[in-house]
C-alpha cells in the first residue's frame, strides 16, 4: 500500500459556492481554475477528500425541511436562510453518480486526472449502511432493506416508515447510540443480494477515484447489524447469518483489480483494529482527538507509545465535519500545539475545510451555502508556515519512539506536561517536543544520541530560527534539559557539529 500523509476534506457544495463567489462566475468540476487545485499541493496535502459529490435525494430533502428543530438550528447559523439553501444530507445518497449541481462523472474523472498529475489522490465517500428515501432499490429490490410490519410502524413510528408508492414498510437508518436517521433507509447485509449489489457499487465507482472514505463502517459488521435489528435482520427466515464480513470480501475483490486503492473507515467504539484486519488501510482515530481535546497528557503519551509498536494506520484529526470547529474547542495557543502534535504523529492526518483559516462555526451538512465567516489571519498564517515544513520530511518512514522524561529538579512535576518523540530516518535524527499545558514547564529528556557522530550536537529548530549546541556525553548521562513556555513546541533536527 502506498502511504498517504495529509488529507484535506472539502465540502463539495460549499467549496464550489465559495469559488463561484470569488470568481463571480459559476464554478463546477468542469471549470475549476488550476491554482485552486495546486494550492493544496503547495501546503503539503497529498489527498483531497471531495465530500458530498453523489446524487442528492429530493425525498430526503423534504424530510429535512419538515424537521422544525433542524430548520431552527439552520436559521441560527444563516439568519437569512431560505429553502434553496437546504439540501439533503450528502450521506442520503440517491445514486452513485455525480450530482448535476457539481458537474458529471466525466468532469469528476478529469478532476481526478488533474490531481494525479500534480501528485495528489482523490478520495470520495461510500455510504454502506443506508440509502436515500427515494433510492430506486426501495421499489425494485425491497428485500435489500430492513423490512417492518404494521405493528412496527404503529409501535415505533420514529424507526419505521411506509413507502409512499408501494406501501411497504421499511426501517430508517440507525446507529444504536442515537435516534434513527429519518432521511435514509436501512440496508440489510444478511441478504446476500444486498452484499452483491453494494460490492458492485464499489467496483462501479472505483475507476472515478483513488480511494473511499467509508461512512460509519462498523455499522454493517455482522454482529452489529444483529444487535441493532435482532430478528428483523433475518427477513422472516429468508436469510442466514453470513459466515464472512462484507468488508473482508468486498475489499479483497476490489483490490485484486486496483491493488493501490485506498479504503478508509470512519469507525468508533474502539473497533479500528478489527476493521484494519478486515482490509481497511486506515481507520479513524477518535481517541487521539479526545486526548488532545481533554488535555489528557498521560494517556496520550501511553497511546502514542503503543501505536508506534503497531504501525501507523490510523487517521488522526483535530477537526472534521462531525466535530466542533477546532478554533472554538481548543483556543488559539492550545490549537497550535495540538496542530503540531497532529502534524508529527504517525499515520495519516485529516484536515477539514475552514480549519486552516481558523473558522469557528460548523456549517451543517444540509446547507449548501456558506457563511462568509471572517478568516483568522493569525491561525491561517500559522498553518501556512507549519504544513510546508513537513513536505521534505518523509514522516511515514520515520522510526519513532517516545522519550523518557524526568523532573528538572525535585518536586517539579511539570515534566509530566511534555510530550516528546524521538525519530530516526536514513540521513537524520529528529526530536519533536511540546509542552502541552497552560504553564511554563521544565524537564530532562533522555535521548539515545550515541549513534550520532561528534562530541557536540546541534539542535536545529525547523519550526523556528533557533539553533542550540549541546554536549553529546552530557545528554547521554543526564538528558537534554528543556524549559518551555505554555503550549510551545519544537521540531529539532539533530546534527553533528
Protein backbone atom coordinates (compact mmCIF):
# COMPACT_ATOMS: atom_id res chain seq x y z
CA UNK A 1 0.00 0.00 0.00
CA UNK A 2 1.26 3.44 -0.92
CA UNK A 3 1.04 5.57 2.22
CA UNK A 4 -0.66 8.95 2.46
CA UNK A 5 0.26 11.75 4.84
CA UNK A 6 -2.22 14.63 4.71
CA UNK A 7 -5.86 14.56 3.58
CA UNK A 8 -7.90 17.72 3.07
CA UNK A 9 -11.67 17.38 3.36
CA UNK A 10 -13.70 19.64 1.08
CA UNK A 11 -17.47 20.04 1.28
CA UNK A 12 -18.10 19.94 -2.48
CA UNK A 13 -21.14 22.20 -2.49
CA UNK A 14 -19.70 24.82 -0.12
CA UNK A 15 -16.30 24.82 -1.85
CA UNK A 16 -17.75 25.44 -5.30
CA UNK A 17 -20.16 28.04 -3.86
CA UNK A 18 -17.19 29.90 -2.35
CA UNK A 19 -15.23 29.72 -5.60
CA UNK A 20 -18.22 30.92 -7.60
CA UNK A 21 -18.40 33.97 -5.33
CA UNK A 22 -14.66 34.52 -5.59
CA UNK A 23 -14.59 34.42 -9.41
CA UNK A 24 -18.06 35.98 -9.81
CA UNK A 25 -18.99 33.14 -12.16
CA UNK A 26 -20.41 29.65 -11.69
CA UNK A 27 -17.60 27.23 -10.87
CA UNK A 28 -18.12 23.48 -11.15
CA UNK A 29 -15.84 20.47 -11.52
CA UNK A 30 -15.75 21.25 -15.23
CA UNK A 31 -14.01 24.62 -14.96
CA UNK A 32 -12.03 24.68 -11.72
CA UNK A 33 -9.02 27.01 -12.04
CA UNK A 34 -5.68 25.21 -11.78
CA UNK A 35 -4.49 27.44 -8.95
CA UNK A 36 -7.39 26.31 -6.74
CA UNK A 37 -6.12 22.75 -7.02
CA UNK A 38 -2.39 23.39 -6.87
CA UNK A 39 -2.57 25.42 -3.66
CA UNK A 40 -3.38 22.24 -1.72
CA UNK A 41 -0.23 20.60 -3.06
CA UNK A 42 1.81 23.64 -2.03
CA UNK A 43 0.53 23.26 1.52
CA UNK A 44 1.67 19.65 1.66
CA UNK A 45 -1.55 17.74 1.00
CA UNK A 46 -1.32 14.52 -0.98
CA UNK A 47 -5.00 13.62 -0.95
CA UNK A 48 -8.25 15.59 -1.42
CA UNK A 49 -11.48 14.19 0.00
CA UNK A 50 -14.33 15.56 -2.08
CA UNK A 51 -17.19 15.10 0.36
CA UNK A 52 -20.79 15.11 -0.85
CA UNK A 53 -20.22 14.50 -4.55
CA UNK A 54 -23.00 11.96 -5.13
CA UNK A 55 -26.60 12.46 -6.25
CA UNK A 56 -28.63 14.16 -3.52
CA UNK A 57 -32.12 12.99 -2.57
CA UNK A 58 -35.28 15.02 -3.18
CA UNK A 59 -37.33 12.94 -0.74
CA UNK A 60 -34.70 13.10 1.98
CA UNK A 61 -34.55 16.87 1.49
CA UNK A 62 -38.31 17.04 2.09
CA UNK A 63 -37.80 15.20 5.38
CA UNK A 64 -35.20 17.77 6.44
CA UNK A 65 -37.41 20.74 5.51
CA UNK A 66 -40.17 19.28 7.72
CA UNK A 67 -37.82 18.95 10.71
CA UNK A 68 -38.62 22.07 12.76
CA UNK A 69 -35.71 21.56 15.15
CA UNK A 70 -33.15 21.32 12.36
CA UNK A 71 -34.59 24.28 10.49
CA UNK A 72 -34.38 26.36 13.68
CA UNK A 73 -30.69 25.41 14.03
CA UNK A 74 -30.08 26.36 10.40
CA UNK A 75 -31.63 29.80 10.91
CA UNK A 76 -29.35 30.48 13.86
CA UNK A 77 -26.37 29.88 11.58
CA UNK A 78 -27.87 31.54 8.48
CA UNK A 79 -30.36 34.19 9.67
CA UNK A 80 -31.38 34.90 6.06
CA UNK A 81 -31.97 31.19 5.37
CA UNK A 82 -34.29 30.28 2.52
CA UNK A 83 -35.38 26.80 1.36
CA UNK A 84 -32.95 26.88 -1.57
CA UNK A 85 -30.08 26.87 0.94
CA UNK A 86 -31.14 23.46 2.26
CA UNK A 87 -30.31 20.15 0.60
CA UNK A 88 -30.49 16.56 1.69
CA UNK A 89 -27.58 15.14 3.63
CA UNK A 90 -24.63 14.15 1.43
CA UNK A 91 -24.98 10.79 3.20
CA UNK A 92 -28.52 10.31 1.92
CA UNK A 93 -27.27 9.03 -1.43
CA UNK A 94 -29.90 8.64 -4.14
CA UNK A 95 -27.39 7.21 -6.61
CA UNK A 96 -23.64 6.89 -7.08
CA UNK A 97 -23.37 9.42 -9.88
CA UNK A 98 -22.13 12.99 -9.60
CA UNK A 99 -24.87 15.40 -8.57
CA UNK A 100 -25.70 17.64 -11.53
CA UNK A 101 -25.20 20.77 -9.42
CA UNK A 102 -21.48 19.92 -9.29
CA UNK A 103 -20.84 18.53 -12.77
CA UNK A 104 -20.93 14.97 -14.09
CA UNK A 105 -18.91 11.76 -13.96
CA UNK A 106 -16.71 12.86 -16.84
CA UNK A 107 -15.91 16.13 -15.06
CA UNK A 108 -15.00 14.12 -11.96
CA UNK A 109 -12.67 11.86 -13.96
CA UNK A 110 -10.92 14.90 -15.42
CA UNK A 111 -10.63 16.46 -11.95
CA UNK A 112 -9.00 13.28 -10.69
CA UNK A 113 -6.50 13.32 -13.58
CA UNK A 114 -5.56 16.89 -12.69
CA UNK A 115 -5.00 15.90 -9.07
CA UNK A 116 -2.92 12.87 -10.02
CA UNK A 117 -0.83 14.97 -12.39
CA UNK A 118 0.33 17.18 -9.52
CA UNK A 119 0.90 14.26 -7.15
CA UNK A 120 -2.38 14.15 -5.23
CA UNK A 121 -5.03 11.48 -4.92
CA UNK A 122 -8.81 11.76 -4.88
CA UNK A 123 -10.91 10.36 -2.05
CA UNK A 124 -14.71 10.04 -2.28
CA UNK A 125 -17.48 8.78 0.01
CA UNK A 126 -19.06 5.34 0.16
CA UNK A 127 -22.14 5.06 2.39
CA UNK A 128 -22.65 1.35 3.14
CA UNK A 129 -25.27 1.42 5.89
CA UNK A 130 -28.20 3.12 4.15
CA UNK A 131 -29.58 4.83 1.07
CA UNK A 132 -31.76 7.87 0.43
CA UNK A 133 -35.53 7.50 0.86
CA UNK A 134 -36.06 7.68 -2.90
CA UNK A 135 -33.32 5.27 -3.94
CA UNK A 136 -34.69 3.05 -6.75
CA UNK A 137 -33.84 -0.12 -4.84
CA UNK A 138 -36.70 0.54 -2.40
CA UNK A 139 -39.10 -0.19 -5.26
CA UNK A 140 -37.03 -2.60 -7.32
CA UNK A 141 -35.42 -4.69 -4.56
CA UNK A 142 -37.25 -4.09 -1.26
CA UNK A 143 -35.57 -7.06 0.42
CA UNK A 144 -32.23 -5.24 0.20
CA UNK A 145 -33.52 -3.29 3.23
CA UNK A 146 -34.66 -3.96 6.78
CA UNK A 147 -38.40 -4.50 6.49
CA UNK A 148 -41.04 -3.75 9.10
CA UNK A 149 -44.61 -4.74 9.90
CA UNK A 150 -47.77 -2.76 10.54
CA UNK A 151 -47.16 -3.32 14.26
CA UNK A 152 -43.62 -1.96 13.91
CA UNK A 153 -44.93 1.17 12.24
CA UNK A 154 -47.59 1.60 14.91
CA UNK A 155 -45.32 0.93 17.90
CA UNK A 156 -42.10 2.54 16.58
CA UNK A 157 -43.12 5.40 14.27
CA UNK A 158 -39.71 7.03 14.74
CA UNK A 159 -37.95 3.91 13.49
CA UNK A 160 -40.12 2.78 10.57
CA UNK A 161 -41.82 4.41 7.59
CA UNK A 162 -44.22 3.48 4.82
CA UNK A 163 -43.05 3.88 1.25
CA UNK A 164 -45.42 6.34 -0.45
CA UNK A 165 -45.63 4.38 -3.72
CA UNK A 166 -45.55 0.72 -2.73
CA UNK A 167 -46.99 0.91 0.78
CA UNK A 168 -44.19 -1.34 2.05
CA UNK A 169 -42.75 -0.63 5.48
CA UNK A 170 -39.01 -0.07 5.91
CA UNK A 171 -36.65 0.86 8.74
CA UNK A 172 -34.88 4.19 8.90
CA UNK A 173 -31.10 4.14 9.18
CA UNK A 174 -29.83 3.54 12.71
CA UNK A 175 -26.82 3.96 14.95
CA UNK A 176 -27.61 2.22 18.27
CA UNK A 177 -26.43 5.21 20.30
CA UNK A 178 -28.61 7.84 18.61
CA UNK A 179 -32.16 8.36 17.37
CA UNK A 180 -32.88 6.96 13.92
CA UNK A 181 -31.88 8.90 10.82
CA UNK A 182 -35.25 9.70 9.29
CA UNK A 183 -33.89 10.77 5.92
CA UNK A 184 -32.39 7.38 4.99
CA UNK A 185 -33.44 3.72 4.66
CA UNK A 186 -31.53 0.92 6.39
CA UNK A 187 -29.83 -1.76 4.27
CA UNK A 188 -29.81 -5.42 5.33
CA UNK A 189 -26.41 -7.10 4.97
CA UNK A 190 -27.72 -10.52 5.92
CA UNK A 191 -29.28 -10.61 2.45
CA UNK A 192 -26.58 -11.96 0.07
CA UNK A 193 -28.07 -9.93 -2.77
CA UNK A 194 -27.59 -6.69 -0.82
CA UNK A 195 -23.93 -7.57 -0.39
CA UNK A 196 -23.58 -8.38 -4.06
CA UNK A 197 -25.24 -5.12 -5.09
CA UNK A 198 -23.14 -2.95 -2.76
CA UNK A 199 -19.99 -4.77 -3.82
CA UNK A 200 -20.86 -3.89 -7.40
CA UNK A 201 -21.33 -0.23 -6.41
CA UNK A 202 -17.75 -0.27 -5.12
CA UNK A 203 -16.49 -1.71 -8.40
CA UNK A 204 -18.50 0.85 -10.39
CA UNK A 205 -17.15 3.92 -8.58
CA UNK A 206 -13.56 2.75 -8.09
CA UNK A 207 -12.45 4.00 -11.55
CA UNK A 208 -13.56 7.51 -10.59
CA UNK A 209 -11.22 7.91 -7.61
CA UNK A 210 -8.14 6.67 -5.77
CA UNK A 211 -9.88 5.68 -2.58
CA UNK A 212 -13.04 5.76 -0.49
CA UNK A 213 -13.86 7.03 2.95
CA UNK A 214 -16.47 4.54 4.15
CA UNK A 215 -19.13 6.17 6.29
CA UNK A 216 -19.83 4.57 9.71
CA UNK A 217 -18.11 1.41 8.52
CA UNK A 218 -18.64 -0.56 11.74
CA UNK A 219 -22.45 -0.43 11.45
CA UNK A 220 -22.51 -3.22 8.87
CA UNK A 221 -20.42 -5.69 10.83
CA UNK A 222 -22.49 -8.86 11.21
CA UNK A 223 -22.80 -8.73 14.98
CA UNK A 224 -23.61 -5.01 14.99
CA UNK A 225 -26.43 -5.45 12.47
CA UNK A 226 -27.74 -8.36 14.50
CA UNK A 227 -27.58 -6.41 17.77
CA UNK A 228 -29.48 -3.44 16.31
CA UNK A 229 -32.13 -5.25 14.26
CA UNK A 230 -32.44 -8.56 16.08
CA UNK A 231 -34.88 -10.98 14.38
CA UNK A 232 -35.75 -8.49 11.64
CA UNK A 233 -32.28 -8.95 10.15
CA UNK A 234 -33.27 -12.47 9.05
CA UNK A 235 -36.09 -11.14 6.84
CA UNK A 236 -38.70 -13.57 8.12
CA UNK A 237 -36.25 -16.51 7.96
CA UNK A 238 -35.25 -15.70 4.37
CA UNK A 239 -31.64 -15.02 5.33
CA UNK A 240 -28.97 -16.64 7.46
CA UNK A 241 -26.13 -15.01 9.35
CA UNK A 242 -23.21 -14.61 6.91
CA UNK A 243 -20.04 -16.59 7.50
CA UNK A 244 -17.78 -13.69 6.50
CA UNK A 245 -17.85 -9.93 6.90
CA UNK A 246 -18.87 -7.82 3.91
CA UNK A 247 -15.73 -5.70 4.18
CA UNK A 248 -13.36 -8.64 4.05
CA UNK A 249 -14.87 -9.95 0.82
CA UNK A 250 -15.58 -6.62 -0.89
CA UNK A 251 -12.18 -5.04 -0.21
CA UNK A 252 -10.32 -8.16 -1.32
CA UNK A 253 -12.35 -8.32 -4.55
CA UNK A 254 -11.70 -4.69 -5.42
CA UNK A 255 -8.00 -4.79 -4.57
CA UNK A 256 -7.49 -7.67 -6.98
CA UNK A 257 -8.31 -5.14 -9.72
CA UNK A 258 -6.98 -1.95 -8.07
CA UNK A 259 -4.24 -3.03 -5.63
CA UNK A 260 -3.29 0.55 -4.67
CA UNK A 261 -6.88 1.60 -3.96
CA UNK A 262 -7.35 3.16 -0.50
CA UNK A 263 -10.04 2.19 1.98
CA UNK A 264 -10.53 4.47 4.99
CA UNK A 265 -13.00 3.52 7.70
CA UNK A 266 -14.99 6.02 9.69
CA UNK A 267 -15.10 3.89 12.81
CA UNK A 268 -15.77 4.34 16.53
CA UNK A 269 -16.31 2.22 19.67
CA UNK A 270 -12.67 1.07 19.65
CA UNK A 271 -13.23 -1.11 16.57
CA UNK A 272 -10.45 0.41 14.45
CA UNK A 273 -8.15 -2.60 14.75
CA UNK A 274 -10.89 -5.02 13.76
CA UNK A 275 -11.66 -3.09 10.60
CA UNK A 276 -7.98 -2.75 9.73
CA UNK A 277 -7.74 -6.54 9.97
CA UNK A 278 -10.66 -6.83 7.54
CA UNK A 279 -8.69 -4.95 4.90
CA UNK A 280 -9.01 -1.23 5.55
CA UNK A 281 -5.85 0.79 5.02
CA UNK A 282 -6.70 3.43 7.63
CA UNK A 283 -9.26 3.87 10.38
CA UNK A 284 -10.47 6.96 12.20
CA UNK A 285 -8.53 7.73 15.39
CA UNK A 286 -11.11 9.33 17.67
CA UNK A 287 -9.04 8.52 20.79
CA UNK A 288 -6.20 10.78 19.67
CA UNK A 289 -8.67 13.65 19.21
CA UNK A 290 -10.31 13.07 22.59
CA UNK A 291 -6.99 13.01 24.47
CA UNK A 292 -5.88 16.27 22.84
CA UNK A 293 -9.22 17.99 23.42
CA UNK A 294 -9.33 16.97 27.07
CA UNK A 295 -5.58 17.60 27.66
CA UNK A 296 -5.25 14.04 28.91
CA UNK A 297 -1.47 14.06 28.58
CA UNK A 298 -0.54 10.86 30.39
CA UNK A 299 -2.99 8.73 28.45
CA UNK A 300 -1.99 10.45 25.21
CA UNK A 301 1.67 9.57 25.80
CA UNK A 302 0.79 5.95 26.54
CA UNK A 303 -1.40 5.85 23.44
CA UNK A 304 1.36 7.24 21.20
CA UNK A 305 3.86 4.73 22.61
CA UNK A 306 1.51 1.80 21.97
CA UNK A 307 0.71 2.99 18.47
CA UNK A 308 4.37 3.18 17.49
CA UNK A 309 4.58 -0.53 18.27
CA UNK A 310 1.65 -1.43 16.00
CA UNK A 311 2.33 0.78 12.96
CA UNK A 312 0.72 3.96 11.70
CA UNK A 313 -2.59 3.06 10.08
CA UNK A 314 -4.80 5.47 12.00
CA UNK A 315 -6.33 8.63 10.54
CA UNK A 316 -5.83 11.42 13.06
CA UNK A 317 -7.61 14.76 13.22
CA UNK A 318 -8.45 17.69 15.45
CA UNK A 319 -11.45 18.64 13.33
CA UNK A 320 -13.79 17.12 10.75
CA UNK A 321 -17.36 17.73 9.63
CA UNK A 322 -18.79 15.81 12.61
CA UNK A 323 -16.81 17.64 15.31
CA UNK A 324 -16.96 21.22 16.53
CA UNK A 325 -14.50 23.63 14.97
CA UNK A 326 -11.01 23.24 16.43
CA UNK A 327 -10.55 27.01 16.74
CA UNK A 328 -13.52 27.11 19.10
CA UNK A 329 -12.72 23.92 21.00
CA UNK A 330 -9.02 24.45 21.67
CA UNK A 331 -8.46 28.20 21.72
CA UNK A 332 -5.61 29.87 19.78
CA UNK A 333 -2.48 28.72 21.65
CA UNK A 334 -3.62 25.21 22.55
CA UNK A 335 -4.79 24.84 18.95
CA UNK A 336 -1.27 25.46 17.64
CA UNK A 337 0.22 22.88 19.96
CA UNK A 338 -2.48 20.33 19.07
CA UNK A 339 -1.93 21.01 15.36
CA UNK A 340 1.80 20.45 15.81
CA UNK A 341 1.23 17.13 17.58
CA UNK A 342 -1.14 16.11 14.80
CA UNK A 343 1.39 17.03 12.12
CA UNK A 344 4.24 15.00 13.64
CA UNK A 345 2.15 11.99 14.70
CA UNK A 346 2.20 8.62 12.96
CA UNK A 347 -0.43 7.52 10.48
CA UNK A 348 -2.36 9.84 8.18
CA UNK A 349 -3.67 13.28 9.08
CA UNK A 350 -7.06 14.75 8.22
CA UNK A 351 -7.68 18.49 7.87
CA UNK A 352 -11.13 19.98 7.39
CA UNK A 353 -12.25 22.80 5.13
CA UNK A 354 -12.04 26.04 7.14
CA UNK A 355 -9.74 24.55 9.78
CA UNK A 356 -6.63 26.24 8.41
CA UNK A 357 -8.46 29.58 8.31
CA UNK A 358 -9.48 29.30 11.98
CA UNK A 359 -13.22 29.30 11.28
CA UNK A 360 -15.36 28.74 14.37
CA UNK A 361 -18.84 27.97 13.03
CA UNK A 362 -19.53 24.42 11.90
CA UNK A 363 -21.85 24.55 8.89
CA UNK A 364 -24.38 21.66 8.93
CA UNK A 365 -24.01 19.23 6.05
CA UNK A 366 -27.53 20.01 4.87
CA UNK A 367 -26.65 23.61 3.99
CA UNK A 368 -25.22 24.35 0.57
CA UNK A 369 -24.40 28.00 1.22
CA UNK A 370 -21.56 29.14 3.46
CA UNK A 371 -21.43 31.97 5.96
CA UNK A 372 -18.63 34.06 4.55
CA UNK A 373 -17.04 33.85 8.01
CA UNK A 374 -14.00 36.06 8.62
CA UNK A 375 -10.65 34.29 8.35
CA UNK A 376 -8.47 34.31 11.47
CA UNK A 377 -5.26 35.56 9.87
CA UNK A 378 -3.19 34.60 12.92
CA UNK A 379 -4.21 30.93 12.69
CA UNK A 380 -4.07 30.87 8.89
CA UNK A 381 -0.53 32.26 8.92
CA UNK A 382 0.46 29.61 11.47
CA UNK A 383 -0.80 26.73 9.32
CA UNK A 384 0.78 28.14 6.16
CA UNK A 385 4.14 28.01 7.93
CA UNK A 386 3.62 24.69 9.73
CA UNK A 387 2.35 22.36 6.99
CA UNK A 388 5.01 23.01 4.31
CA UNK A 389 7.73 22.22 6.86
CA UNK A 390 6.93 18.54 6.54
CA UNK A 391 6.85 18.27 2.75
CA UNK A 392 10.53 17.28 2.64
CA UNK A 393 10.43 15.06 5.73
CA UNK A 394 9.03 11.58 4.95
CA UNK A 395 7.16 11.27 8.24
CA UNK A 396 5.63 7.91 7.32
CA UNK A 397 9.14 6.42 7.07
CA UNK A 398 10.40 7.72 10.42
CA UNK A 399 11.04 5.18 13.17
CA UNK A 400 9.51 6.85 16.20
CA UNK A 401 9.97 6.19 19.87
CA UNK A 402 8.57 8.04 22.84
CA UNK A 403 11.12 9.76 25.04
CA UNK A 404 11.57 9.10 28.75
CA UNK A 405 11.13 12.36 30.70
CA UNK A 406 12.37 13.23 34.20
CA UNK A 407 11.89 16.13 36.63
CA UNK A 408 14.27 19.05 36.13
CA UNK A 409 14.56 19.26 39.90
CA UNK A 410 12.98 17.67 42.93
CA UNK A 411 9.24 18.25 43.36
CA UNK A 412 8.93 19.85 39.92
CA UNK A 413 6.00 17.94 38.43
CA UNK A 414 5.80 19.98 35.23
CA UNK A 415 7.83 17.34 33.39
CA UNK A 416 4.52 15.44 33.08
CA UNK A 417 3.24 18.14 30.71
CA UNK A 418 5.75 17.32 27.97
CA UNK A 419 5.17 15.06 25.00
CA UNK A 420 8.39 14.12 23.21
CA UNK A 421 9.05 11.82 20.27
CA UNK A 422 12.50 10.85 19.01
CA UNK A 423 12.63 9.90 15.35
CA UNK A 424 15.20 8.14 13.22
CA UNK A 425 15.32 8.06 9.46
CA UNK A 426 18.06 7.47 6.93
CA UNK A 427 20.03 10.69 6.85
CA UNK A 428 18.73 12.25 10.02
CA UNK A 429 17.54 12.26 13.62
CA UNK A 430 14.65 14.37 14.86
CA UNK A 431 13.20 15.38 18.21
CA UNK A 432 9.62 16.63 18.39
CA UNK A 433 8.67 18.10 21.75
CA UNK A 434 5.68 20.03 23.06
CA UNK A 435 4.70 21.49 26.41
CA UNK A 436 1.01 20.66 26.16
CA UNK A 437 -0.10 22.71 29.15
CA UNK A 438 -1.09 26.25 30.08
CA UNK A 439 2.02 26.90 32.23
CA UNK A 440 5.81 27.04 31.89
CA UNK A 441 7.37 23.59 32.22
CA UNK A 442 10.82 22.05 32.64
CA UNK A 443 12.22 18.55 32.26
CA UNK A 444 15.15 16.38 31.27
CA UNK A 445 14.56 14.25 28.17
CA UNK A 446 16.59 11.06 27.78
CA UNK A 447 17.77 10.64 24.19
CA UNK A 448 19.90 7.85 22.79
CA UNK A 449 22.14 10.01 20.61
CA UNK A 450 25.13 7.67 20.78
CA UNK A 451 24.86 6.82 17.07
CA UNK A 452 25.25 10.45 16.01
CA UNK A 453 28.93 11.31 15.34
CA UNK A 454 30.76 14.12 17.12
CA UNK A 455 31.28 15.39 20.65
CA UNK A 456 28.81 18.25 20.33
CA UNK A 457 25.41 18.21 18.66
CA UNK A 458 23.41 20.97 17.02
CA UNK A 459 19.66 21.04 17.65
CA UNK A 460 18.30 22.99 14.69
CA UNK A 461 14.70 24.10 15.23
CA UNK A 462 12.81 23.50 11.98
CA UNK A 463 9.72 25.29 13.33
CA UNK A 464 11.72 28.44 14.06
CA UNK A 465 15.11 30.02 13.51
CA UNK A 466 16.97 28.84 16.62
CA UNK A 467 19.94 26.52 16.93
CA UNK A 468 21.33 25.07 20.17
CA UNK A 469 24.69 23.41 20.74
CA UNK A 470 24.75 20.66 23.38
CA UNK A 471 27.40 18.21 24.56
CA UNK A 472 26.53 14.67 23.49
CA UNK A 473 28.06 12.99 26.55
CA UNK A 474 26.03 15.22 28.86
CA UNK A 475 22.82 14.35 27.01
CA UNK A 476 23.60 10.63 27.33
CA UNK A 477 24.38 10.90 31.06
CA UNK A 478 21.82 13.47 32.25
CA UNK A 479 19.40 14.01 29.39
CA UNK A 480 18.52 17.10 27.36
CA UNK A 481 17.31 19.97 29.53
CA UNK A 482 14.11 21.63 28.30
CA UNK A 483 12.44 24.77 29.63
CA UNK A 484 9.44 25.77 27.53
CA UNK A 485 6.53 28.25 27.75
CA UNK A 486 2.90 27.17 27.76
CA UNK A 487 1.70 25.30 24.67
CA UNK A 488 5.05 25.81 22.93
CA UNK A 489 6.70 23.21 20.71
CA UNK A 490 9.82 22.47 18.67
CA UNK A 491 10.83 20.11 15.92
CA UNK A 492 14.60 19.73 16.11
CA UNK A 493 16.81 18.18 13.51
CA UNK A 494 19.85 16.83 15.36
CA UNK A 495 23.15 17.37 13.57
CA UNK A 496 26.78 16.76 14.42
CA UNK A 497 28.67 19.99 14.95
